[in-house]
Amino acid sequence: MKNLQSLHGKSIFLGYDMVKRSFGVMAMKGNLKKALELQRDYYIDKLLLIGVYDSMILDGMTITELKNEYHYFYYDVPSKKPSFSRRN
């Protein structure tokens, strides 16, 4: 039993746990990358639907630029001047 413990009293399996966690971090990085690609594809598809941009232009934009353009075209309601009518 003494062979399985380090000088500090911790098992050698601590190294295994650290490797296991690092693979978890790598998996999280892969998931994040996949999520960003899906988000980018979503914005590109929606912007191509309205026909304002060419796919070559959209491929050169960042996700933030795509998001801003998406929100501009889909959620920006043109400002309307209120028409006041006076009733006598």
N, C-alpha and C. Protein backbone atom coordinates (compact mmCIF):
# COMPACT_ATOMS: atom_id res chain seq x y z
N MET A 1 0.83 -1.20 0.00
CA MET A 1 0.00 0.00 0.00
C MET A 1 0.87 1.25 0.00
N LYS A 2 2.03 1.13 0.61
CA LYS A 2 2.93 2.26 0.70
C LYS A 2 3.43 2.66 -0.68
N ASN A 3 3.50 1.71 -1.63
CA ASN A 3 3.99 2.00 -2.97
C ASN A 3 3.03 2.92 -3.74
N LEU A 4 1.76 2.93 -3.40
CA LEU A 4 0.78 3.71 -4.13
C LEU A 4 0.68 5.15 -3.63
N GLN A 5 1.44 5.48 -2.63
CA GLN A 5 1.34 6.82 -2.09
C GLN A 5 2.63 7.59 -2.32
N SER A 6 2.46 8.89 -2.56
CA SER A 6 3.63 9.76 -2.72
C SER A 6 4.11 10.20 -1.35
N LEU A 7 5.10 11.03 -1.33
CA LEU A 7 5.64 11.52 -0.06
C LEU A 7 4.62 12.35 0.71
N HIS A 8 3.68 12.97 0.00
CA HIS A 8 2.71 13.83 0.66
C HIS A 8 1.46 13.08 1.06
N GLY A 9 1.40 11.79 0.84
CA GLY A 9 0.26 11.01 1.27
C GLY A 9 -0.87 10.95 0.26
N LYS A 10 -0.68 11.45 -0.93
CA LYS A 10 -1.72 11.43 -1.95
C LYS A 10 -1.44 10.27 -2.90
N SER A 11 -2.47 9.69 -3.42
CA SER A 11 -2.28 8.53 -4.28
C SER A 11 -1.73 8.96 -5.63
N ILE A 12 -1.14 7.99 -6.32
CA ILE A 12 -0.59 8.29 -7.64
C ILE A 12 -1.70 8.49 -8.67
N PHE A 13 -2.92 8.15 -8.29
CA PHE A 13 -4.03 8.31 -9.21
C PHE A 13 -4.41 9.78 -9.38
N LEU A 14 -3.82 10.64 -8.59
CA LEU A 14 -4.05 12.07 -8.75
C LEU A 14 -3.61 12.53 -10.13
N GLY A 15 -2.51 11.97 -10.62
CA GLY A 15 -2.06 12.29 -11.97
C GLY A 15 -3.07 11.86 -13.00
N TYR A 16 -3.71 10.72 -12.79
CA TYR A 16 -4.75 10.24 -13.70
C TYR A 16 -5.93 11.21 -13.70
N ASP A 17 -6.30 11.68 -12.52
CA ASP A 17 -7.41 12.65 -12.43
C ASP A 17 -7.09 13.94 -13.18
N MET A 18 -5.85 14.38 -13.10
CA MET A 18 -5.46 15.61 -13.79
C MET A 18 -5.52 15.40 -15.31
N VAL A 19 -5.09 14.23 -15.78
CA VAL A 19 -5.17 13.94 -17.22
C VAL A 19 -6.63 13.87 -17.65
N LYS A 20 -7.44 13.24 -16.81
CA LYS A 20 -8.87 13.12 -17.12
C LYS A 20 -9.51 14.51 -17.21
N ARG A 21 -9.14 15.41 -16.31
CA ARG A 21 -9.68 16.77 -16.35
C ARG A 21 -9.20 17.52 -17.58
N SER A 22 -7.95 17.30 -17.98
CA SER A 22 -7.44 18.02 -19.15
C SER A 22 -8.17 17.57 -20.40
N PHE A 23 -8.54 16.30 -20.49
CA PHE A 23 -9.34 15.85 -21.62
C PHE A 23 -10.72 16.49 -21.58
N GLY A 24 -11.25 16.71 -20.37
CA GLY A 24 -12.53 17.39 -20.23
C GLY A 24 -12.45 18.81 -20.73
N VAL A 25 -11.33 19.48 -20.44
CA VAL A 25 -11.13 20.85 -20.91
C VAL A 25 -11.04 20.86 -22.43
N MET A 26 -10.33 19.87 -22.98
CA MET A 26 -10.21 19.80 -24.43
C MET A 26 -11.57 19.55 -25.07
N ALA A 27 -12.40 18.73 -24.43
CA ALA A 27 -13.74 18.48 -24.95
C ALA A 27 -14.57 19.75 -24.87
N MET A 28 -14.41 20.52 -23.80
CA MET A 28 -15.15 21.77 -23.67
C MET A 28 -14.72 22.76 -24.76
N LYS A 29 -13.42 22.79 -25.06
CA LYS A 29 -12.94 23.67 -26.12
C LYS A 29 -13.53 23.26 -27.46
N GLY A 30 -13.63 21.95 -27.69
CA GLY A 30 -14.23 21.45 -28.92
C GLY A 30 -15.70 21.81 -29.00
N ASN A 31 -16.40 21.71 -27.86
CA ASN A 31 -17.82 22.07 -27.83
C ASN A 31 -18.01 23.56 -28.07
N LEU A 32 -17.13 24.37 -27.50
CA LEU A 32 -17.22 25.81 -27.70
C LEU A 32 -16.98 26.17 -29.17
N LYS A 33 -16.00 25.53 -29.76
CA LYS A 33 -15.70 25.78 -31.17
C LYS A 33 -16.88 25.38 -32.04
N LYS A 34 -17.49 24.25 -31.73
CA LYS A 34 -18.65 23.78 -32.49
C LYS A 34 -19.83 24.75 -32.32
N ALA A 35 -20.03 25.24 -31.10
CA ALA A 35 -21.12 26.17 -30.84
C ALA A 35 -20.92 27.48 -31.60
N LEU A 36 -19.69 27.97 -31.65
CA LEU A 36 -19.41 29.20 -32.39
C LEU A 36 -19.61 29.00 -33.89
N GLU A 37 -19.25 27.82 -34.40
CA GLU A 37 -19.48 27.54 -35.82
C GLU A 37 -20.98 27.48 -36.12
N LEU A 38 -21.74 26.86 -35.22
CA LEU A 38 -23.19 26.79 -35.42
C LEU A 38 -23.82 28.18 -35.37
N GLN A 39 -23.35 29.02 -34.45
CA GLN A 39 -23.87 30.37 -34.35
C GLN A 39 -23.55 31.16 -35.61
N ARG A 40 -22.35 31.01 -36.10
CA ARG A 40 -21.94 31.70 -37.33
C ARG A 40 -22.78 31.24 -38.52
N ASP A 41 -22.98 29.92 -38.63
CA ASP A 41 -23.80 29.39 -39.72
C ASP A 41 -25.24 29.90 -39.64
N TYR A 42 -25.77 30.00 -38.42
CA TYR A 42 -27.14 30.50 -38.23
C TYR A 42 -27.27 31.93 -38.75
N TYR A 43 -26.35 32.79 -38.34
CA TYR A 43 -26.42 34.19 -38.77
C TYR A 43 -26.21 34.32 -40.28
N ILE A 44 -25.30 33.53 -40.83
CA ILE A 44 -25.07 33.59 -42.28
C ILE A 44 -26.32 33.15 -43.03
N ASP A 45 -26.94 32.06 -42.59
CA ASP A 45 -28.16 31.58 -43.26
C ASP A 45 -29.28 32.61 -43.20
N LYS A 46 -29.47 33.23 -42.06
CA LYS A 46 -30.53 34.23 -41.92
C LYS A 46 -30.26 35.46 -42.77
N LEU A 47 -29.02 35.89 -42.84
CA LEU A 47 -28.68 37.06 -43.65
C LEU A 47 -28.75 36.76 -45.14
N LEU A 48 -28.45 35.52 -45.51
CA LEU A 48 -28.58 35.15 -46.93
C LEU A 48 -30.05 35.10 -47.35
N LEU A 49 -30.93 34.79 -46.41
CA LEU A 49 -32.36 34.73 -46.72
C LEU A 49 -32.92 36.07 -47.18
N ILE A 50 -32.43 37.14 -46.59
CA ILE A 50 -32.97 38.45 -46.97
C ILE A 50 -32.33 38.97 -48.24
N GLY A 51 -31.23 38.38 -48.65
CA GLY A 51 -30.62 38.71 -49.94
C GLY A 51 -29.86 40.02 -50.02
N VAL A 52 -29.48 40.58 -48.89
CA VAL A 52 -28.75 41.83 -48.90
C VAL A 52 -27.26 41.60 -49.14
N TYR A 53 -26.75 40.50 -48.60
CA TYR A 53 -25.33 40.23 -48.67
C TYR A 53 -25.05 39.02 -49.56
N ASP A 54 -23.85 39.02 -50.12
CA ASP A 54 -23.33 37.88 -50.86
C ASP A 54 -22.61 36.97 -49.87
N SER A 55 -22.55 35.68 -50.16
CA SER A 55 -21.91 34.74 -49.23
C SER A 55 -20.42 35.03 -49.06
N MET A 56 -19.78 35.58 -50.08
CA MET A 56 -18.36 35.92 -49.95
C MET A 56 -18.15 37.03 -48.94
N ILE A 57 -19.05 37.98 -48.90
CA ILE A 57 -18.95 39.08 -47.93
C ILE A 57 -19.21 38.56 -46.53
N LEU A 58 -20.21 37.70 -46.39
CA LEU A 58 -20.54 37.17 -45.07
C LEU A 58 -19.43 36.28 -44.51
N ASP A 59 -18.73 35.57 -45.38
CA ASP A 59 -17.64 34.72 -44.91
C ASP A 59 -16.49 35.53 -44.33
N GLY A 60 -16.34 36.77 -44.75
CA GLY A 60 -15.28 37.62 -44.25
C GLY A 60 -15.63 38.38 -42.99
N MET A 61 -16.88 38.27 -42.53
CA MET A 61 -17.31 39.00 -41.34
C MET A 61 -17.09 38.16 -40.09
N THR A 62 -16.88 38.86 -38.98
CA THR A 62 -16.75 38.18 -37.70
C THR A 62 -18.13 37.84 -37.17
N ILE A 63 -18.18 37.02 -36.14
CA ILE A 63 -19.46 36.64 -35.56
C ILE A 63 -20.16 37.86 -34.98
N THR A 64 -19.41 38.77 -34.39
CA THR A 64 -20.01 39.98 -33.83
C THR A 64 -20.62 40.84 -34.93
N GLU A 65 -19.93 40.98 -36.05
CA GLU A 65 -20.47 41.75 -37.17
C GLU A 65 -21.71 41.07 -37.74
N LEU A 66 -21.68 39.75 -37.84
CA LEU A 66 -22.85 39.02 -38.33
C LEU A 66 -24.05 39.21 -37.40
N LYS A 67 -23.77 39.13 -36.10
CA LYS A 67 -24.83 39.30 -35.11
C LYS A 67 -25.43 40.70 -35.19
N ASN A 68 -24.57 41.71 -35.30
CA ASN A 68 -25.06 43.09 -35.37
C ASN A 68 -25.90 43.31 -36.63
N GLU A 69 -25.45 42.78 -37.76
CA GLU A 69 -26.21 42.92 -39.00
C GLU A 69 -27.54 42.17 -38.91
N TYR A 70 -27.52 41.00 -38.32
CA TYR A 70 -28.75 40.23 -38.13
C TYR A 70 -29.75 41.01 -37.31
N HIS A 71 -29.30 41.54 -36.19
CA HIS A 71 -30.20 42.31 -35.33
C HIS A 71 -30.67 43.58 -36.02
N TYR A 72 -29.83 44.17 -36.84
CA TYR A 72 -30.23 45.38 -37.55
C TYR A 72 -31.38 45.09 -38.52
N PHE A 73 -31.25 44.03 -39.30
CA PHE A 73 -32.25 43.74 -40.31
C PHE A 73 -33.49 43.05 -39.78
N TYR A 74 -33.36 42.27 -38.71
CA TYR A 74 -34.51 41.52 -38.21
C TYR A 74 -35.23 42.19 -37.05
N TYR A 75 -34.56 43.02 -36.28
CA TYR A 75 -35.19 43.59 -35.10
C TYR A 75 -35.27 45.10 -35.09
N ASP A 76 -34.62 45.77 -36.02
CA ASP A 76 -34.65 47.22 -36.03
C ASP A 76 -35.94 47.68 -36.68
N VAL A 77 -36.80 48.23 -35.89
CA VAL A 77 -38.06 48.75 -36.40
C VAL A 77 -37.83 50.20 -36.81
N PRO A 78 -38.14 50.54 -38.04
CA PRO A 78 -37.93 51.92 -38.46
C PRO A 78 -38.70 52.88 -37.54
N SER A 79 -38.04 53.94 -37.21
CA SER A 79 -38.69 54.88 -36.31
C SER A 79 -39.83 55.58 -37.04
N LYS A 80 -40.93 55.65 -36.38
CA LYS A 80 -42.11 56.29 -36.96
C LYS A 80 -42.37 57.58 -36.19
N LYS A 81 -42.67 58.61 -36.93
CA LYS A 81 -43.03 59.85 -36.28
C LYS A 81 -44.51 59.75 -35.91
N PRO A 82 -44.79 60.04 -34.68
CA PRO A 82 -46.20 59.96 -34.30
C PRO A 82 -47.00 61.06 -34.99
N SER A 83 -48.11 60.69 -35.52
CA SER A 83 -48.98 61.69 -36.17
C SER A 83 -50.05 62.09 -35.15
N PHE A 84 -50.01 63.35 -34.85
CA PHE A 84 -50.98 63.87 -33.90
C PHE A 84 -52.13 64.50 -34.67
N SER A 85 -53.29 64.13 -34.31
CA SER A 85 -54.46 64.80 -34.89
C SER A 85 -55.23 65.45 -33.77
N ARG A 86 -55.53 66.71 -34.00
CA ARG A 86 -56.25 67.45 -32.96
C ARG A 86 -57.74 67.36 -33.23
N ARG A 87 -58.41 66.99 -32.22
CA ARG A 87 -59.87 66.93 -32.34
C ARG A 87 -60.47 68.12 -31.62
N ASN A 88 -61.30 68.80 -32.28
CA ASN A 88 -61.96 69.96 -31.66
C ASN A 88 -63.31 69.61 -31.17
